[in-house]
Amino acid sequence: MRPSAQKRRRLAGRTLLYLALVLFAVIYIYPFLLDIGTAFKTETDAAAHPLSPLPQHWVLTAFSELAQQDFARWLANSVVVAVFVTLGRILFDSMAGYALARLRFRGRSGLFAAIIAVMAVPGVVLLIPTFLVLKQLNLFNTYPGMILPLMTDAAGVFIMRQFFLTVPPAIEEAARIDGAGIFRTYWSVVLPMARPALITLMILSFQGSWNNFSMILVAHSSPSLDTLTTGVGRLVSGQLGAGSQYPLQLAAALAMTIPVAVVFFVFQKYIMRTGEGAVKE
């Protein structure tokens, strides 16, 4: 009887644990379900039932209205910014990470400490200096002005440095014996082994640049350079029409979320497989 009672208690505890997990999952995912449902509501339905994720009548009115906005331009601008920022971070962050991990030069520890310190600085602190630099260099209201400030990232440098430290030095020594220089060793030998870290960096860079609002906002004032974040921001602020426009706003937010979700779910299994590329002894 005693083992049976213990078994029942364990079963009851496990059941309560799963119920709590389901409850927290529902609380976490409910806003996203509300976003999806409201995007297919009418304006009247959204105002009458704002907390219901199920529309009374499923309509595509919000998406047809969204197509009449500059959504295609916002999407194109977001793609341009996200692609160039992602490629830039993959190149420059990996180069900086390899230099900090392998090259011996004076001030290396201080430079790495400075990079760590930059990670602790709130991004909003850099907005006004970035704006002043862009104005001084005549990059304000240009694509380079929106891309260049985001092309390097302290967190990306940190991720790449930590990964390169796990690469056995014996591999690089063998490449040097074969006559490869520093850059050739980095490009042809070490970088292909860093695919897990590079994919992690790619996902983080794409998400960060795609969802970036504040830095893009201070880099331009022309509506023709709006990305999805600033364009949807105009919808939310009510600058493009009257009324609450909840279905229109959430349809735009849903459309903006889909590319990032697709990228994440496609590449999530590759995130930081640090065991790949190890040398077999």
C-alpha atoms as a PDB file:
ATOM      1  CA  MET A   1       0.000   0.000   0.000  1.00  0.00           C
ATOM      2  CA  ARG A   2       2.797   2.362   0.849  1.00  0.00           C
ATOM      3  CA  PRO A   3       4.484   2.209  -2.617  1.00  0.00           C
ATOM      4  CA  SER A   4       1.059   2.688  -4.172  1.00  0.00           C
ATOM      5  CA  ALA A   5       0.442   5.826  -2.096  1.00  0.00           C
ATOM      6  CA  GLN A   6       3.854   7.224  -3.083  1.00  0.00           C
ATOM      7  CA  LYS A   7       3.098   6.466  -6.719  1.00  0.00           C
ATOM      8  CA  ARG A   8      -0.214   8.321  -6.471  1.00  0.00           C
ATOM      9  CA  ARG A   9       1.496  11.313  -4.871  1.00  0.00           C
ATOM     10  CA  ARG A  10       4.115  11.409  -7.622  1.00  0.00           C
ATOM     11  CA  LEU A  11       1.397  11.167 -10.252  1.00  0.00           C
ATOM     12  CA  ALA A  12      -0.575  13.980  -8.602  1.00  0.00           C
ATOM     13  CA  GLY A  13       2.539  16.157  -8.388  1.00  0.00           C
ATOM     14  CA  ARG A  14       3.416  15.513 -12.004  1.00  0.00           C
ATOM     15  CA  THR A  15      -0.148  16.305 -13.064  1.00  0.00           C
ATOM     16  CA  LEU A  16      -0.098  19.609 -11.191  1.00  0.00           C
ATOM     17  CA  LEU A  17       3.276  20.434 -12.763  1.00  0.00           C
ATOM     18  CA  TYR A  18       1.977  19.809 -16.276  1.00  0.00           C
ATOM     19  CA  LEU A  19      -1.166  21.826 -15.580  1.00  0.00           C
ATOM     20  CA  ALA A  20       0.979  24.741 -14.384  1.00  0.00           C
ATOM     21  CA  LEU A  21       3.165  24.479 -17.499  1.00  0.00           C
ATOM     22  CA  VAL A  22       0.084  24.441 -19.743  1.00  0.00           C
ATOM     23  CA  LEU A  23      -1.311  27.487 -17.917  1.00  0.00           C
ATOM     24  CA  PHE A  24       1.919  29.459 -18.338  1.00  0.00           C
ATOM     25  CA  ALA A  25       2.130  28.395 -21.989  1.00  0.00           C
ATOM     26  CA  VAL A  26      -1.400  29.652 -22.623  1.00  0.00           C
ATOM     27  CA  ILE A  27      -0.630  32.954 -20.883  1.00  0.00           C
ATOM     28  CA  TYR A  28       2.537  33.328 -22.926  1.00  0.00           C
ATOM     29  CA  ILE A  29       1.020  32.486 -26.316  1.00  0.00           C
ATOM     30  CA  TYR A  30      -2.350  34.206 -25.805  1.00  0.00           C
ATOM     31  CA  PRO A  31      -1.208  37.662 -27.040  1.00  0.00           C
ATOM     32  CA  PHE A  32       0.045  36.077 -30.276  1.00  0.00           C
ATOM     33  CA  LEU A  33      -3.248  34.212 -30.732  1.00  0.00           C
ATOM     34  CA  LEU A  34      -5.047  37.504 -30.110  1.00  0.00           C
ATOM     35  CA  ASP A  35      -2.865  39.110 -32.793  1.00  0.00           C
ATOM     36  CA  ILE A  36      -3.786  36.424 -35.321  1.00  0.00           C
ATOM     37  CA  GLY A  37      -7.496  36.489 -34.513  1.00  0.00           C
ATOM     38  CA  THR A  38      -7.841  40.279 -34.519  1.00  0.00           C
ATOM     39  CA  ALA A  39      -6.104  40.504 -37.899  1.00  0.00           C
ATOM     40  CA  PHE A  40      -9.068  38.618 -39.388  1.00  0.00           C
ATOM     41  CA  LYS A  41     -11.758  40.640 -37.587  1.00  0.00           C
ATOM     42  CA  THR A  42     -13.826  43.545 -38.772  1.00  0.00           C
ATOM     43  CA  GLU A  43     -13.309  46.943 -37.159  1.00  0.00           C
ATOM     44  CA  THR A  44     -16.614  46.627 -35.293  1.00  0.00           C
ATOM     45  CA  ASP A  45     -15.852  43.118 -34.064  1.00  0.00           C
ATOM     46  CA  ALA A  46     -12.401  44.163 -32.826  1.00  0.00           C
ATOM     47  CA  ALA A  47     -13.874  47.083 -30.879  1.00  0.00           C
ATOM     48  CA  ALA A  48     -16.721  45.021 -29.402  1.00  0.00           C
ATOM     49  CA  HIS A  49     -14.634  41.946 -28.469  1.00  0.00           C
ATOM     50  CA  PRO A  50     -11.029  43.155 -28.021  1.00  0.00           C
ATOM     51  CA  LEU A  51      -9.911  40.181 -25.869  1.00  0.00           C
ATOM     52  CA  SER A  52     -11.449  37.408 -27.929  1.00  0.00           C
ATOM     53  CA  PRO A  53      -8.983  35.599 -30.216  1.00  0.00           C
ATOM     54  CA  LEU A  54     -11.813  34.175 -32.349  1.00  0.00           C
ATOM     55  CA  PRO A  55     -13.462  36.496 -34.894  1.00  0.00           C
ATOM     56  CA  GLN A  56     -17.229  36.369 -35.221  1.00  0.00           C
ATOM     57  CA  HIS A  57     -16.739  36.538 -38.969  1.00  0.00           C
ATOM     58  CA  TRP A  58     -13.414  35.732 -40.645  1.00  0.00           C
ATOM     59  CA  VAL A  59     -12.599  38.502 -43.141  1.00  0.00           C
ATOM     60  CA  LEU A  60      -9.507  39.660 -45.053  1.00  0.00           C
ATOM     61  CA  THR A  61     -10.421  43.340 -44.932  1.00  0.00           C
ATOM     62  CA  ALA A  62      -7.371  44.299 -42.875  1.00  0.00           C
ATOM     63  CA  PHE A  63      -4.964  42.596 -45.291  1.00  0.00           C
ATOM     64  CA  SER A  64      -6.587  44.237 -48.318  1.00  0.00           C
ATOM     65  CA  GLU A  65      -6.278  47.629 -46.596  1.00  0.00           C
ATOM     66  CA  LEU A  66      -2.680  46.829 -45.723  1.00  0.00           C
ATOM     67  CA  ALA A  67      -1.933  46.142 -49.392  1.00  0.00           C
ATOM     68  CA  GLN A  68      -3.156  49.661 -50.188  1.00  0.00           C
ATOM     69  CA  GLN A  69      -0.538  51.142 -47.837  1.00  0.00           C
ATOM     70  CA  ASP A  70       3.183  51.265 -48.643  1.00  0.00           C
ATOM     71  CA  PHE A  71       3.620  47.781 -47.192  1.00  0.00           C
ATOM     72  CA  ALA A  72       5.566  46.501 -50.210  1.00  0.00           C
ATOM     73  CA  ARG A  73       8.069  49.358 -49.881  1.00  0.00           C
ATOM     74  CA  TRP A  74       8.390  48.773 -46.137  1.00  0.00           C
ATOM     75  CA  LEU A  75       8.997  45.078 -46.771  1.00  0.00           C
ATOM     76  CA  ALA A  76      11.629  45.768 -49.438  1.00  0.00           C
ATOM     77  CA  ASN A  77      13.456  48.239 -47.192  1.00  0.00           C
ATOM     78  CA  SER A  78      13.408  45.773 -44.308  1.00  0.00           C
ATOM     79  CA  VAL A  79      14.829  43.028 -46.525  1.00  0.00           C
ATOM     80  CA  VAL A  80      17.638  45.298 -47.760  1.00  0.00           C
ATOM     81  CA  VAL A  81      18.583  46.407 -44.242  1.00  0.00           C
ATOM     82  CA  ALA A  82      18.323  42.931 -42.704  1.00  0.00           C
ATOM     83  CA  VAL A  83      20.335  41.183 -45.446  1.00  0.00           C
ATOM     84  CA  PHE A  84      23.218  43.669 -45.496  1.00  0.00           C
ATOM     85  CA  VAL A  85      23.362  43.963 -41.706  1.00  0.00           C
ATOM     86  CA  THR A  86      23.362  40.178 -41.326  1.00  0.00           C
ATOM     87  CA  LEU A  87      26.136  39.689 -43.886  1.00  0.00           C
ATOM     88  CA  GLY A  88      28.157  42.508 -42.343  1.00  0.00           C
ATOM     89  CA  ARG A  89      27.888  41.109 -38.845  1.00  0.00           C
ATOM     90  CA  ILE A  90      28.818  37.609 -39.971  1.00  0.00           C
ATOM     91  CA  LEU A  91      31.969  38.948 -41.638  1.00  0.00           C
ATOM     92  CA  PHE A  92      33.137  41.629 -39.208  1.00  0.00           C
ATOM     93  CA  ASP A  93      32.086  39.935 -35.959  1.00  0.00           C
ATOM     94  CA  SER A  94      33.766  36.682 -36.977  1.00  0.00           C
ATOM     95  CA  MET A  95      36.963  38.497 -37.967  1.00  0.00           C
ATOM     96  CA  ALA A  96      37.037  40.434 -34.714  1.00  0.00           C
ATOM     97  CA  GLY A  97      36.223  37.327 -32.692  1.00  0.00           C
ATOM     98  CA  TYR A  98      39.031  35.358 -34.335  1.00  0.00           C
ATOM     99  CA  ALA A  99      41.517  38.186 -33.752  1.00  0.00           C
ATOM    100  CA  LEU A 100      40.600  38.395 -30.069  1.00  0.00           C
ATOM    101  CA  ALA A 101      40.750  34.621 -29.681  1.00  0.00           C
ATOM    102  CA  ARG A 102      43.988  33.835 -31.523  1.00  0.00           C
ATOM    103  CA  LEU A 103      46.112  36.891 -32.318  1.00  0.00           C
ATOM    104  CA  ARG A 104      48.539  38.181 -29.715  1.00  0.00           C
ATOM    105  CA  PHE A 105      48.773  41.964 -29.635  1.00  0.00           C
ATOM    106  CA  ARG A 106      49.182  44.672 -27.045  1.00  0.00           C
ATOM    107  CA  GLY A 107      45.916  45.790 -25.473  1.00  0.00           C
ATOM    108  CA  ARG A 108      43.939  42.689 -26.478  1.00  0.00           C
ATOM    109  CA  SER A 109      42.549  42.127 -22.978  1.00  0.00           C
ATOM    110  CA  GLY A 110      41.608  45.785 -22.612  1.00  0.00           C
ATOM    111  CA  LEU A 111      39.883  45.769 -25.997  1.00  0.00           C
ATOM    112  CA  PHE A 112      37.879  42.691 -25.093  1.00  0.00           C
ATOM    113  CA  ALA A 113      36.920  44.267 -21.760  1.00  0.00           C
ATOM    114  CA  ALA A 114      35.735  47.357 -23.646  1.00  0.00           C
ATOM    115  CA  ILE A 115      33.578  45.178 -25.917  1.00  0.00           C
ATOM    116  CA  ILE A 116      32.028  43.522 -22.865  1.00  0.00           C
ATOM    117  CA  ALA A 117      31.391  46.975 -21.393  1.00  0.00           C
ATOM    118  CA  VAL A 118      29.617  48.063 -24.589  1.00  0.00           C
ATOM    119  CA  MET A 119      27.219  45.144 -24.174  1.00  0.00           C
ATOM    120  CA  ALA A 120      26.117  46.676 -20.858  1.00  0.00           C
ATOM    121  CA  VAL A 121      25.356  50.085 -22.392  1.00  0.00           C
ATOM    122  CA  PRO A 122      21.637  50.620 -23.189  1.00  0.00           C
ATOM    123  CA  GLY A 123      21.110  51.123 -26.908  1.00  0.00           C
ATOM    124  CA  VAL A 124      19.069  54.276 -26.327  1.00  0.00           C
ATOM    125  CA  VAL A 125      22.211  56.011 -25.020  1.00  0.00           C
ATOM    126  CA  LEU A 126      23.802  55.737 -28.480  1.00  0.00           C
ATOM    127  CA  LEU A 127      20.866  57.134 -30.464  1.00  0.00           C
ATOM    128  CA  ILE A 128      21.747  60.845 -30.313  1.00  0.00           C
ATOM    129  CA  PRO A 129      25.500  60.316 -30.980  1.00  0.00           C
ATOM    130  CA  THR A 130      24.596  58.076 -33.927  1.00  0.00           C
ATOM    131  CA  PHE A 131      22.258  60.732 -35.311  1.00  0.00           C
ATOM    132  CA  LEU A 132      24.952  63.427 -35.017  1.00  0.00           C
ATOM    133  CA  VAL A 133      27.553  61.244 -36.737  1.00  0.00           C
ATOM    134  CA  LEU A 134      25.177  60.400 -39.584  1.00  0.00           C
ATOM    135  CA  LYS A 135      24.336  64.080 -40.101  1.00  0.00           C
ATOM    136  CA  GLN A 136      28.022  65.031 -40.079  1.00  0.00           C
ATOM    137  CA  LEU A 137      28.897  62.352 -42.654  1.00  0.00           C
ATOM    138  CA  ASN A 138      25.874  63.168 -44.853  1.00  0.00           C
ATOM    139  CA  LEU A 139      24.509  59.662 -44.344  1.00  0.00           C
ATOM    140  CA  PHE A 140      21.183  60.721 -42.850  1.00  0.00           C
ATOM    141  CA  ASN A 141      18.199  59.645 -44.972  1.00  0.00           C
ATOM    142  CA  THR A 142      20.250  57.083 -46.909  1.00  0.00           C
ATOM    143  CA  TYR A 143      20.399  53.291 -46.972  1.00  0.00           C
ATOM    144  CA  PRO A 144      24.046  53.253 -45.782  1.00  0.00           C
ATOM    145  CA  GLY A 145      22.994  55.438 -42.855  1.00  0.00           C
ATOM    146  CA  MET A 146      20.480  52.796 -41.768  1.00  0.00           C
ATOM    147  CA  ILE A 147      22.845  49.864 -42.359  1.00  0.00           C
ATOM    148  CA  LEU A 148      26.342  50.907 -41.277  1.00  0.00           C
ATOM    149  CA  PRO A 149      25.569  51.634 -37.578  1.00  0.00           C
ATOM    150  CA  LEU A 150      24.199  48.091 -37.238  1.00  0.00           C
ATOM    151  CA  MET A 151      26.891  46.165 -39.132  1.00  0.00           C
ATOM    152  CA  THR A 152      28.935  45.335 -36.035  1.00  0.00           C
ATOM    153  CA  ASP A 153      27.672  44.055 -32.728  1.00  0.00           C
ATOM    154  CA  ALA A 154      29.482  43.530 -29.422  1.00  0.00           C
ATOM    155  CA  ALA A 155      27.411  40.453 -28.594  1.00  0.00           C
ATOM    156  CA  GLY A 156      28.279  38.919 -31.966  1.00  0.00           C
ATOM    157  CA  VAL A 157      32.000  39.486 -31.392  1.00  0.00           C
ATOM    158  CA  PHE A 158      31.680  37.840 -27.984  1.00  0.00           C
ATOM    159  CA  ILE A 159      29.844  34.803 -29.405  1.00  0.00           C
ATOM    160  CA  MET A 160      32.423  34.274 -32.152  1.00  0.00           C
ATOM    161  CA  ARG A 161      35.391  34.730 -29.820  1.00  0.00           C
ATOM    162  CA  GLN A 162      34.040  32.181 -27.365  1.00  0.00           C
ATOM    163  CA  PHE A 163      33.483  29.682 -30.165  1.00  0.00           C
ATOM    164  CA  PHE A 164      36.936  30.157 -31.684  1.00  0.00           C
ATOM    165  CA  LEU A 165      38.463  29.505 -28.262  1.00  0.00           C
ATOM    166  CA  THR A 166      36.974  25.986 -28.418  1.00  0.00           C
ATOM    167  CA  VAL A 167      38.688  25.199 -31.734  1.00  0.00           C
ATOM    168  CA  PRO A 168      41.815  23.092 -31.086  1.00  0.00           C
ATOM    169  CA  PRO A 169      44.980  25.070 -31.943  1.00  0.00           C
ATOM    170  CA  ALA A 170      46.434  21.925 -33.526  1.00  0.00           C
ATOM    171  CA  ILE A 171      44.219  22.464 -36.565  1.00  0.00           C
ATOM    172  CA  GLU A 172      45.618  25.953 -37.153  1.00  0.00           C
ATOM    173  CA  GLU A 173      49.167  24.797 -36.550  1.00  0.00           C
ATOM    174  CA  ALA A 174      48.734  22.151 -39.248  1.00  0.00           C
ATOM    175  CA  ALA A 175      47.461  24.823 -41.647  1.00  0.00           C
ATOM    176  CA  ARG A 176      50.451  27.061 -40.915  1.00  0.00           C
ATOM    177  CA  ILE A 177      52.831  24.163 -41.545  1.00  0.00           C
ATOM    178  CA  ASP A 178      51.202  23.829 -44.961  1.00  0.00           C
ATOM    179  CA  GLY A 179      51.998  27.482 -45.631  1.00  0.00           C
ATOM    180  CA  ALA A 180      48.670  29.156 -44.848  1.00  0.00           C
ATOM    181  CA  GLY A 181      48.797  32.687 -43.469  1.00  0.00           C
ATOM    182  CA  ILE A 182      46.595  34.153 -40.738  1.00  0.00           C
ATOM    183  CA  PHE A 183      43.746  35.207 -43.025  1.00  0.00           C
ATOM    184  CA  ARG A 184      43.882  31.990 -45.053  1.00  0.00           C
ATOM    185  CA  THR A 185      43.774  29.949 -41.843  1.00  0.00           C
ATOM    186  CA  TYR A 186      40.795  31.969 -40.620  1.00  0.00           C
ATOM    187  CA  TRP A 187      38.895  31.898 -43.929  1.00  0.00           C
ATOM    188  CA  SER A 188      39.575  28.384 -45.211  1.00  0.00           C
ATOM    189  CA  VAL A 189      40.155  26.345 -42.061  1.00  0.00           C
ATOM    190  CA  VAL A 190      38.576  27.846 -38.946  1.00  0.00           C
ATOM    191  CA  LEU A 191      35.554  29.673 -40.366  1.00  0.00           C
ATOM    192  CA  PRO A 192      33.986  26.573 -41.988  1.00  0.00           C
ATOM    193  CA  MET A 193      34.185  24.849 -38.612  1.00  0.00           C
ATOM    194  CA  ALA A 194      32.294  27.729 -36.999  1.00  0.00           C
ATOM    195  CA  ARG A 195      29.033  27.005 -38.821  1.00  0.00           C
ATOM    196  CA  PRO A 196      27.002  26.518 -35.591  1.00  0.00           C
ATOM    197  CA  ALA A 197      28.166  29.875 -34.222  1.00  0.00           C
ATOM    198  CA  LEU A 198      27.706  31.565 -37.600  1.00  0.00           C
ATOM    199  CA  ILE A 199      24.125  30.304 -37.885  1.00  0.00           C
ATOM    200  CA  THR A 200      23.423  31.497 -34.356  1.00  0.00           C
ATOM    201  CA  LEU A 201      24.873  34.885 -35.231  1.00  0.00           C
ATOM    202  CA  MET A 202      22.886  34.968 -38.469  1.00  0.00           C
ATOM    203  CA  ILE A 203      19.591  34.327 -36.670  1.00  0.00           C
ATOM    204  CA  LEU A 204      20.285  36.907 -33.970  1.00  0.00           C
ATOM    205  CA  SER A 205      21.475  39.484 -36.511  1.00  0.00           C
ATOM    206  CA  PHE A 206      18.494  38.975 -38.812  1.00  0.00           C
ATOM    207  CA  GLN A 207      16.031  39.193 -35.945  1.00  0.00           C
ATOM    208  CA  GLY A 208      17.738  42.210 -34.438  1.00  0.00           C
ATOM    209  CA  SER A 209      17.949  44.193 -37.682  1.00  0.00           C
ATOM    210  CA  TRP A 210      14.474  43.142 -38.874  1.00  0.00           C
ATOM    211  CA  ASN A 211      12.867  44.226 -35.591  1.00  0.00           C
ATOM    212  CA  ASN A 212      15.066  47.270 -34.989  1.00  0.00           C
ATOM    213  CA  PHE A 213      13.033  50.419 -34.519  1.00  0.00           C
ATOM    214  CA  SER A 214      14.977  53.057 -32.610  1.00  0.00           C
ATOM    215  CA  MET A 215      18.192  53.039 -34.666  1.00  0.00           C
ATOM    216  CA  ILE A 216      16.277  52.967 -37.959  1.00  0.00           C
ATOM    217  CA  LEU A 217      14.077  55.799 -36.737  1.00  0.00           C
ATOM    218  CA  VAL A 218      16.976  58.149 -35.982  1.00  0.00           C
ATOM    219  CA  ALA A 219      18.708  57.283 -39.273  1.00  0.00           C
ATOM    220  CA  HIS A 220      15.971  58.642 -41.553  1.00  0.00           C
ATOM    221  CA  SER A 221      12.955  60.925 -41.729  1.00  0.00           C
ATOM    222  CA  SER A 222      11.772  60.196 -45.277  1.00  0.00           C
ATOM    223  CA  PRO A 223       8.668  57.938 -45.540  1.00  0.00           C
ATOM    224  CA  SER A 224      10.228  56.328 -48.628  1.00  0.00           C
ATOM    225  CA  LEU A 225      12.898  54.783 -46.368  1.00  0.00           C
ATOM    226  CA  ASP A 226      10.487  53.378 -43.810  1.00  0.00           C
ATOM    227  CA  THR A 227      11.033  49.746 -42.863  1.00  0.00           C
ATOM    228  CA  LEU A 228       8.311  47.506 -41.487  1.00  0.00           C
ATOM    229  CA  THR A 229       8.995  48.623 -37.921  1.00  0.00           C
ATOM    230  CA  THR A 230       8.742  52.344 -38.613  1.00  0.00           C
ATOM    231  CA  GLY A 231       5.919  51.890 -41.132  1.00  0.00           C
ATOM    232  CA  VAL A 232       3.876  49.835 -38.688  1.00  0.00           C
ATOM    233  CA  GLY A 233       4.759  52.429 -36.069  1.00  0.00           C
ATOM    234  CA  ARG A 234       2.984  55.019 -38.193  1.00  0.00           C
ATOM    235  CA  LEU A 235      -0.074  52.776 -38.313  1.00  0.00           C
ATOM    236  CA  VAL A 236      -0.050  52.285 -34.554  1.00  0.00           C
ATOM    237  CA  SER A 237       0.318  56.022 -33.940  1.00  0.00           C
ATOM    238  CA  GLY A 238      -2.683  56.666 -36.178  1.00  0.00           C
ATOM    239  CA  GLN A 239      -0.850  58.854 -38.680  1.00  0.00           C
ATOM    240  CA  LEU A 240      -2.197  56.960 -41.684  1.00  0.00           C
ATOM    241  CA  GLY A 241      -5.874  56.971 -40.849  1.00  0.00           C
ATOM    242  CA  ALA A 242      -8.620  57.564 -38.322  1.00  0.00           C
ATOM    243  CA  GLY A 243     -10.053  55.217 -35.722  1.00  0.00           C
ATOM    244  CA  SER A 244      -8.406  52.456 -33.733  1.00  0.00           C
ATOM    245  CA  GLN A 245      -7.579  50.354 -36.829  1.00  0.00           C
ATOM    246  CA  TYR A 246      -6.754  47.365 -34.614  1.00  0.00           C
ATOM    247  CA  PRO A 247      -7.266  44.769 -37.369  1.00  0.00           C
ATOM    248  CA  LEU A 248      -5.043  46.743 -39.758  1.00  0.00           C
ATOM    249  CA  GLN A 249      -2.331  47.264 -37.153  1.00  0.00           C
ATOM    250  CA  LEU A 250      -2.269  43.639 -36.050  1.00  0.00           C
ATOM    251  CA  ALA A 251      -2.396  42.372 -39.631  1.00  0.00           C
ATOM    252  CA  ALA A 252       0.749  44.423 -40.285  1.00  0.00           C
ATOM    253  CA  ALA A 253       2.359  43.091 -37.089  1.00  0.00           C
ATOM    254  CA  LEU A 254       1.481  39.518 -38.098  1.00  0.00           C
ATOM    255  CA  ALA A 255       2.934  39.952 -41.581  1.00  0.00           C
ATOM    256  CA  MET A 256       6.080  41.438 -40.042  1.00  0.00           C
ATOM    257  CA  THR A 257       6.478  38.491 -37.672  1.00  0.00           C
ATOM    258  CA  ILE A 258       6.211  35.685 -40.230  1.00  0.00           C
ATOM    259  CA  PRO A 259       9.682  36.034 -41.909  1.00  0.00           C
ATOM    260  CA  VAL A 260      11.510  36.096 -38.567  1.00  0.00           C
ATOM    261  CA  ALA A 261       9.554  33.084 -37.304  1.00  0.00           C
ATOM    262  CA  VAL A 262      10.340  31.149 -40.490  1.00  0.00           C
ATOM    263  CA  VAL A 263      14.075  31.905 -40.239  1.00  0.00           C
ATOM    264  CA  PHE A 264      14.149  30.879 -36.586  1.00  0.00           C
ATOM    265  CA  PHE A 265      12.271  27.599 -36.994  1.00  0.00           C
ATOM    266  CA  VAL A 266      14.307  26.603 -40.068  1.00  0.00           C
ATOM    267  CA  PHE A 267      17.687  27.156 -38.419  1.00  0.00           C
ATOM    268  CA  GLN A 268      16.966  26.587 -34.725  1.00  0.00           C
ATOM    269  CA  LYS A 269      18.410  23.060 -34.733  1.00  0.00           C
ATOM    270  CA  TYR A 270      21.792  24.460 -35.781  1.00  0.00           C
ATOM    271  CA  ILE A 271      22.033  26.964 -32.913  1.00  0.00           C
ATOM    272  CA  MET A 272      25.350  26.596 -31.177  1.00  0.00           C
ATOM    273  CA  ARG A 273      26.187  22.954 -31.853  1.00  0.00           C
ATOM    274  CA  THR A 274      29.567  23.530 -30.342  1.00  0.00           C
ATOM    275  CA  GLY A 275      30.480  19.872 -30.597  1.00  0.00           C
ATOM    276  CA  GLU A 276      30.813  20.048 -34.376  1.00  0.00           C
ATOM    277  CA  GLY A 277      34.284  20.347 -35.776  1.00  0.00           C
ATOM    278  CA  ALA A 278      36.098  18.839 -32.801  1.00  0.00           C
ATOM    279  CA  VAL A 279      39.320  16.984 -33.400  1.00  0.00           C
ATOM    280  CA  LYS A 280      39.156  13.263 -32.792  1.00  0.00           C
ATOM    281  CA  GLU A 281      42.020  12.065 -30.639  1.00  0.00           C
END
